Amino acid sequence: MSLPHRTGVRAGHAPSLTGLADERASGALLCDAGTVYLRDGQVVHAESPVAPGIEVLLTTGGRLTADNWREAVGRTGAVGRFLVDSGRLSDAELEICHLGALFDAAYFALGHGSGPRGFQRGAAHWLGPVRPVGAVAVERETRRRGKLLDALWPYPQVDTEPVVLRRPDGRAPAVTPRQRAVLALADGVRTPARIARELGRPAFHTLIDIRRLAAAGHVATPRSARPEHPGRPGPPAGSAGSTASAPPAPDRGPGAVVFTDPDIDLLRRLRDALEATL
């Protein structure tokens, strides 16, 4: 699906997500790397060219067929409501997939390197209302994800460059089945975003796999990469635009990753959805 048209965009000072939440605004916050949709000050959806949309997660992921999806988008009204009312998805399935797509795209739209450019008041997302999320929670999760990636491997260039396989030394940890699927598509041409789309997985989850693989030496860190923190050494030069060996691993001390308290309501909804499918 495309981003909203730019007509009616509020000019002047670029609004912030929390400022719009305080106003209880409804519309689309247009950012450099995506769009965040609000309704009465709460975040109802997000899109980014980097993150696979909910339609990719549902169809490529195998939950819906392409025909199921085309039927839904061809109907008048909210797509999400039709999927539930027609029995294609349960309320819990739609909510879980929607929240995953929302937080995935919001990370890229609101995260490092992207910023708000304007606000299109009154714009609504075609999916329709599912479950709104507070702006503070979205911004907090965006920051947490950025810190997590930095703790895994502080070279953000691996997030956007084509993924290049390396031959690790014998001390490298074995790859997981999820990581093996990523490595199968690492051909030096596909970027992490393309790999995520082809696998039907959230882009952020794919970045976690790729950063871990880079830290272990299974994929190359770009030769020009510099660590997010200047105090950490950059990767050594190598041939063919990649490193000859993986950069020194960052400190994995006890304070390397800081996790916020879990969202208990979300965990309960996840539990209920899983139990419903058993």
Protein backbone atom coordinates (compact mmCIF):
# COMPACT_ATOMS: atom_id res chain seq x y z
CA MET A 1 0.00 0.00 0.00
CA SER A 2 1.18 3.53 -0.69
CA LEU A 3 1.83 6.33 1.73
CA PRO A 4 -0.81 9.07 1.98
CA HIS A 5 -0.89 11.94 -0.48
CA ARG A 6 0.92 15.06 0.67
CA THR A 7 -2.02 17.37 0.12
CA GLY A 8 -3.16 19.10 3.27
CA VAL A 9 0.17 18.64 5.02
CA ARG A 10 0.64 21.15 7.80
CA ALA A 11 3.53 23.44 6.94
CA GLY A 12 6.06 25.12 9.19
CA HIS A 13 7.49 23.55 12.32
CA ALA A 14 7.58 19.73 12.08
CA PRO A 15 5.31 18.27 14.77
CA SER A 16 6.45 15.61 17.24
CA LEU A 17 4.59 12.40 17.95
CA THR A 18 4.13 13.25 21.62
CA GLY A 19 2.99 16.77 20.74
CA LEU A 20 0.33 15.38 18.44
CA ALA A 21 -0.69 12.94 21.14
CA ASP A 22 -1.12 15.79 23.59
CA GLU A 23 -3.38 17.52 21.04
CA ARG A 24 -5.37 14.29 20.58
CA ALA A 25 -4.76 14.78 16.87
CA SER A 26 -5.93 12.45 14.10
CA GLY A 27 -4.00 12.07 10.86
CA ALA A 28 -0.69 10.92 9.41
CA LEU A 29 2.71 11.99 10.76
CA LEU A 30 4.96 11.99 7.68
CA CYS A 31 8.56 11.04 8.49
CA ASP A 32 11.69 10.60 6.39
CA ALA A 33 11.46 6.80 6.55
CA GLY A 34 7.76 6.15 6.98
CA THR A 35 4.36 7.31 8.20
CA VAL A 36 2.74 7.02 11.62
CA TYR A 37 -1.07 7.20 11.79
CA LEU A 38 -2.88 8.64 14.79
CA ARG A 39 -6.48 8.70 15.91
CA ASP A 40 -7.46 10.90 18.85
CA GLY A 41 -3.80 11.15 19.80
CA GLN A 42 -3.09 7.43 19.83
CA VAL A 43 -1.01 5.49 17.29
CA VAL A 44 -3.22 3.20 15.22
CA HIS A 45 -0.77 2.09 12.53
CA ALA A 46 2.62 2.76 10.95
CA GLU A 47 4.18 2.09 7.56
CA SER A 48 7.75 2.23 6.26
CA PRO A 49 9.29 1.24 2.92
CA VAL A 50 11.88 -0.65 4.96
CA ALA A 51 9.42 -2.81 6.89
CA PRO A 52 7.16 -5.44 5.30
CA GLY A 53 3.54 -4.39 5.65
CA ILE A 54 0.89 -6.39 7.41
CA GLU A 55 -0.20 -7.82 4.05
CA VAL A 56 3.29 -9.31 3.53
CA LEU A 57 3.41 -10.72 7.06
CA LEU A 58 0.02 -12.39 6.59
CA THR A 59 0.45 -13.71 3.03
CA THR A 60 4.16 -14.51 2.74
CA GLY A 61 4.04 -15.76 6.31
CA GLY A 62 1.36 -18.23 5.20
CA ARG A 63 -1.61 -17.15 7.32
CA LEU A 64 -3.62 -15.84 4.34
CA THR A 65 -3.52 -16.63 0.66
CA ALA A 66 -2.98 -13.88 -1.88
CA ASP A 67 -6.60 -14.38 -3.00
CA ASN A 68 -7.82 -13.92 0.59
CA TRP A 69 -5.97 -10.62 0.78
CA ARG A 70 -7.15 -9.36 -2.60
CA GLU A 71 -10.73 -10.13 -1.61
CA ALA A 72 -10.32 -8.13 1.59
CA VAL A 73 -8.81 -5.03 -0.01
CA GLY A 74 -11.43 -5.12 -2.75
CA ARG A 75 -14.26 -4.67 -0.25
CA THR A 76 -15.63 -1.36 0.90
CA GLY A 77 -14.77 -0.55 4.49
CA ALA A 78 -12.02 -1.48 6.91
CA VAL A 79 -9.86 -4.35 5.69
CA GLY A 80 -9.10 -5.61 9.17
CA ARG A 81 -12.73 -5.81 10.20
CA PHE A 82 -13.62 -7.78 7.06
CA LEU A 83 -10.85 -10.32 7.72
CA VAL A 84 -12.28 -10.98 11.17
CA ASP A 85 -15.98 -10.91 10.23
CA SER A 86 -15.38 -13.28 7.31
CA GLY A 87 -13.54 -15.76 9.54
CA ARG A 88 -10.19 -15.34 7.77
CA LEU A 89 -8.56 -14.23 11.04
CA SER A 90 -9.50 -14.21 14.68
CA ASP A 91 -9.52 -10.92 16.59
CA ALA A 92 -6.41 -12.04 18.47
CA GLU A 93 -4.53 -13.00 15.28
CA LEU A 94 -5.29 -9.65 13.67
CA GLU A 95 -4.29 -7.76 16.80
CA ILE A 96 -0.98 -9.58 17.19
CA CYS A 97 -0.02 -9.18 13.54
CA HIS A 98 -1.12 -5.54 13.57
CA LEU A 99 0.93 -4.72 16.67
CA GLY A 100 3.96 -6.46 15.17
CA ALA A 101 3.69 -4.48 11.93
CA LEU A 102 3.01 -1.23 13.81
CA PHE A 103 6.06 -1.43 16.07
CA ASP A 104 8.23 -2.72 13.22
CA ALA A 105 7.45 0.20 10.91
CA ALA A 106 7.46 2.75 13.74
CA TYR A 107 11.05 1.81 14.59
CA PHE A 108 12.19 2.90 11.14
CA ALA A 109 9.86 5.89 10.84
CA LEU A 110 10.79 7.34 14.23
CA GLY A 111 14.23 5.89 14.86
CA HIS A 112 17.77 7.09 14.25
CA GLY A 113 18.23 8.79 10.87
CA SER A 114 14.55 9.57 10.36
CA GLY A 115 12.50 12.49 11.55
CA PRO A 116 9.06 14.09 11.13
CA ARG A 117 8.50 16.32 8.08
CA GLY A 118 4.86 17.25 8.44
CA PHE A 119 1.40 16.19 9.48
CA GLN A 120 -1.53 15.36 7.22
CA ARG A 121 -4.53 16.08 9.41
CA GLY A 122 -7.50 13.75 9.01
CA ALA A 123 -5.69 11.02 7.04
CA ALA A 124 -6.79 7.50 8.01
CA HIS A 125 -5.19 4.13 7.33
CA TRP A 126 -6.97 1.65 5.06
CA LEU A 127 -6.66 -1.21 7.58
CA GLY A 128 -9.17 0.41 9.90
CA PRO A 129 -9.10 0.49 13.70
CA VAL A 130 -7.57 -2.53 15.44
CA ARG A 131 -5.93 -1.64 18.74
CA PRO A 132 -4.46 1.83 19.39
CA VAL A 133 -1.15 2.24 21.20
CA GLY A 134 -0.05 5.21 23.26
CA ALA A 135 2.55 7.50 21.68
CA VAL A 136 4.80 7.25 24.74
CA ALA A 137 4.82 3.44 24.48
CA VAL A 138 5.71 3.61 20.77
CA GLU A 139 8.60 6.01 21.35
CA ARG A 140 9.85 3.96 24.32
CA GLU A 141 9.83 0.77 22.25
CA THR A 142 11.62 2.53 19.40
CA ARG A 143 14.43 3.58 21.75
CA ARG A 144 14.63 0.13 23.30
CA ARG A 145 15.03 -1.52 19.92
CA GLY A 146 17.81 0.85 18.95
CA LYS A 147 19.70 0.09 22.18
CA LEU A 148 19.24 -3.63 21.65
CA LEU A 149 20.73 -3.55 18.15
CA ASP A 150 23.65 -1.44 19.35
CA ALA A 151 24.36 -3.90 22.17
CA LEU A 152 24.37 -6.83 19.73
CA TRP A 153 26.78 -5.26 17.21
CA PRO A 154 27.28 -1.46 17.09
CA TYR A 155 27.72 -1.14 13.31
CA PRO A 156 24.42 0.14 11.83
CA GLN A 157 25.78 -0.06 8.29
CA VAL A 158 25.00 -3.78 8.26
CA ASP A 159 21.31 -2.84 8.47
CA THR A 160 21.23 -1.28 5.00
CA GLU A 161 24.07 -2.77 2.95
CA PRO A 162 23.70 -5.99 0.91
CA VAL A 163 24.36 -9.00 3.11
CA VAL A 164 27.64 -10.73 2.23
CA LEU A 165 28.54 -14.18 3.51
CA ARG A 166 31.87 -14.81 5.25
CA ARG A 167 33.65 -17.97 6.22
CA PRO A 168 33.89 -17.76 10.00
CA ASP A 169 36.63 -19.35 12.04
CA GLY A 170 36.03 -22.51 14.00
CA ARG A 171 35.13 -20.63 17.16
CA ALA A 172 32.03 -19.01 15.69
CA PRO A 173 28.76 -20.17 17.26
CA ALA A 174 26.44 -22.38 15.25
CA VAL A 175 23.58 -20.65 13.46
CA THR A 176 19.95 -21.17 14.41
CA PRO A 177 17.28 -22.33 11.94
CA ARG A 178 15.99 -18.73 11.72
CA GLN A 179 19.48 -17.45 10.96
CA ARG A 180 20.04 -20.22 8.43
CA ALA A 181 17.04 -18.96 6.44
CA VAL A 182 18.60 -15.47 6.41
CA LEU A 183 21.98 -16.82 5.29
CA ALA A 184 20.31 -18.75 2.46
CA LEU A 185 19.29 -15.40 0.92
CA ALA A 186 22.58 -13.59 1.62
CA ASP A 187 23.95 -13.32 -1.90
CA GLY A 188 25.76 -9.97 -1.74
CA VAL A 189 22.84 -8.31 -3.53
CA ARG A 190 19.88 -8.62 -1.18
CA THR A 191 19.64 -6.05 1.61
CA PRO A 192 18.22 -6.89 5.06
CA ALA A 193 14.95 -5.21 4.08
CA ARG A 194 14.63 -7.36 0.97
CA ILE A 195 15.47 -10.50 2.93
CA ALA A 196 12.80 -9.67 5.51
CA ARG A 197 10.23 -9.14 2.78
CA GLU A 198 11.05 -12.40 1.00
CA LEU A 199 10.87 -14.33 4.27
CA GLY A 200 7.67 -12.59 5.36
CA ARG A 201 9.27 -11.54 8.64
CA PRO A 202 9.39 -8.20 10.47
CA ALA A 203 12.39 -6.16 9.37
CA PHE A 204 13.57 -5.50 12.92
CA HIS A 205 13.66 -9.21 13.72
CA THR A 206 15.75 -9.73 10.60
CA LEU A 207 18.15 -7.00 11.72
CA ILE A 208 18.61 -8.81 15.02
CA ASP A 209 19.58 -11.97 13.15
CA ILE A 210 21.94 -10.10 10.85
CA ARG A 211 23.67 -8.18 13.65
CA ARG A 212 24.20 -11.42 15.56
CA LEU A 213 25.52 -13.10 12.43
CA ALA A 214 27.88 -10.18 11.81
CA ALA A 215 29.11 -10.27 15.40
CA ALA A 216 29.78 -14.00 15.04
CA GLY A 217 31.58 -13.54 11.72
CA HIS A 218 29.05 -15.33 9.53
CA VAL A 219 28.31 -12.20 7.46
CA ALA A 220 30.61 -9.29 6.63
CA THR A 221 30.57 -5.91 8.28
CA PRO A 222 31.09 -3.24 5.56
CA ARG A 223 34.69 -2.08 5.35
CA SER A 224 33.70 1.56 5.76
CA ALA A 225 31.63 0.82 8.87
CA ARG A 226 32.26 2.81 12.01
CA PRO A 227 30.92 1.84 15.42
CA GLU A 228 27.96 3.74 16.81
CA HIS A 229 30.19 4.69 19.75
CA PRO A 230 33.51 6.35 18.78
CA GLY A 231 35.35 4.60 21.60
CA ARG A 232 34.91 1.24 19.94
CA PRO A 233 37.31 0.28 17.12
CA GLY A 234 36.03 0.09 13.58
CA PRO A 235 36.29 -3.08 11.50
CA PRO A 236 39.60 -3.69 9.73
CA ALA A 237 39.88 -3.25 5.97
CA GLY A 238 39.43 -6.29 3.78
CA SER A 239 38.91 -7.23 0.17
CA ALA A 240 35.83 -6.92 -2.04
CA GLY A 241 34.29 -4.26 0.15
CA SER A 242 34.06 -6.46 3.22
CA THR A 243 36.20 -7.25 6.23
CA ALA A 244 38.93 -9.85 6.26
CA SER A 245 37.81 -10.76 9.75
CA ALA A 246 34.95 -9.68 11.95
CA PRO A 247 35.47 -6.53 14.03
CA PRO A 248 36.25 -7.02 17.71
CA ALA A 249 33.07 -8.01 19.50
CA PRO A 250 31.55 -5.35 21.73
CA ASP A 251 31.59 -5.72 25.47
CA ARG A 252 28.98 -8.27 26.55
CA GLY A 253 29.10 -7.23 30.20
CA PRO A 254 26.14 -7.61 32.50
CA GLY A 255 24.83 -4.17 31.61
CA ALA A 256 25.12 -4.58 27.84
CA VAL A 257 21.38 -4.83 27.18
CA VAL A 258 18.75 -3.04 29.20
CA PHE A 259 15.19 -4.32 28.83
CA THR A 260 12.17 -2.35 29.93
CA ASP A 261 9.36 -3.91 31.93
CA PRO A 262 7.12 -6.11 29.74
CA ASP A 263 3.69 -4.98 28.66
CA ILE A 264 1.60 -7.33 30.79
CA ASP A 265 -1.60 -6.73 28.85
CA LEU A 266 0.16 -7.54 25.57
CA LEU A 267 1.65 -10.71 27.02
CA ARG A 268 -1.77 -11.82 28.18
CA ARG A 269 -3.26 -11.22 24.74
CA LEU A 270 -0.42 -13.18 23.16
CA ARG A 271 -1.05 -16.04 25.59
CA ASP A 272 -4.78 -16.05 24.87
CA ALA A 273 -4.18 -16.06 21.12
CA LEU A 274 -1.74 -18.96 21.36
CA GLU A 275 -4.11 -20.95 23.54
CA ALA A 276 -6.93 -20.35 21.06
CA THR A 277 -4.92 -21.99 18.27
CA LEU A 278 -4.00 -25.11 20.24
